[in-house]
């Protein structure tokens, strides 16, 4: 009869630290790939189904008649950031620049009198 071989802790094959690190790195990359696929699956949406038959005809007629139904007053809203110069914007510009210039001048004057700079 052939001799029986028992694996003891001393004779058991051991995995080196480099091989263990490679396996852990491979596992983390695989987990990251699975997460990326799951997130990309929710990022893209398929195109909506096109209506057919009577529903398509009703939708086309509603879309064609929409310009005639849209008679709204086109009013100008007072909005400061619309691109034109306003007195508020001009006054604010001069107030801010003069204010910061005064702060800078006083700070420089104090720092030079105290001989910090």
Foldseek 3Di string as FASTA:
>chain_A
DDDDDDDDPVNDDDDDPVRVVVVVVVVVVVVVVVVVVVVVVVVDDDDDDQDDDPVNVVVVVCVVCVVVVDDDDDDDDDDCPPPDDDPVVVVVVVVVVVVVVVVVVVVVVVCVVVVVD
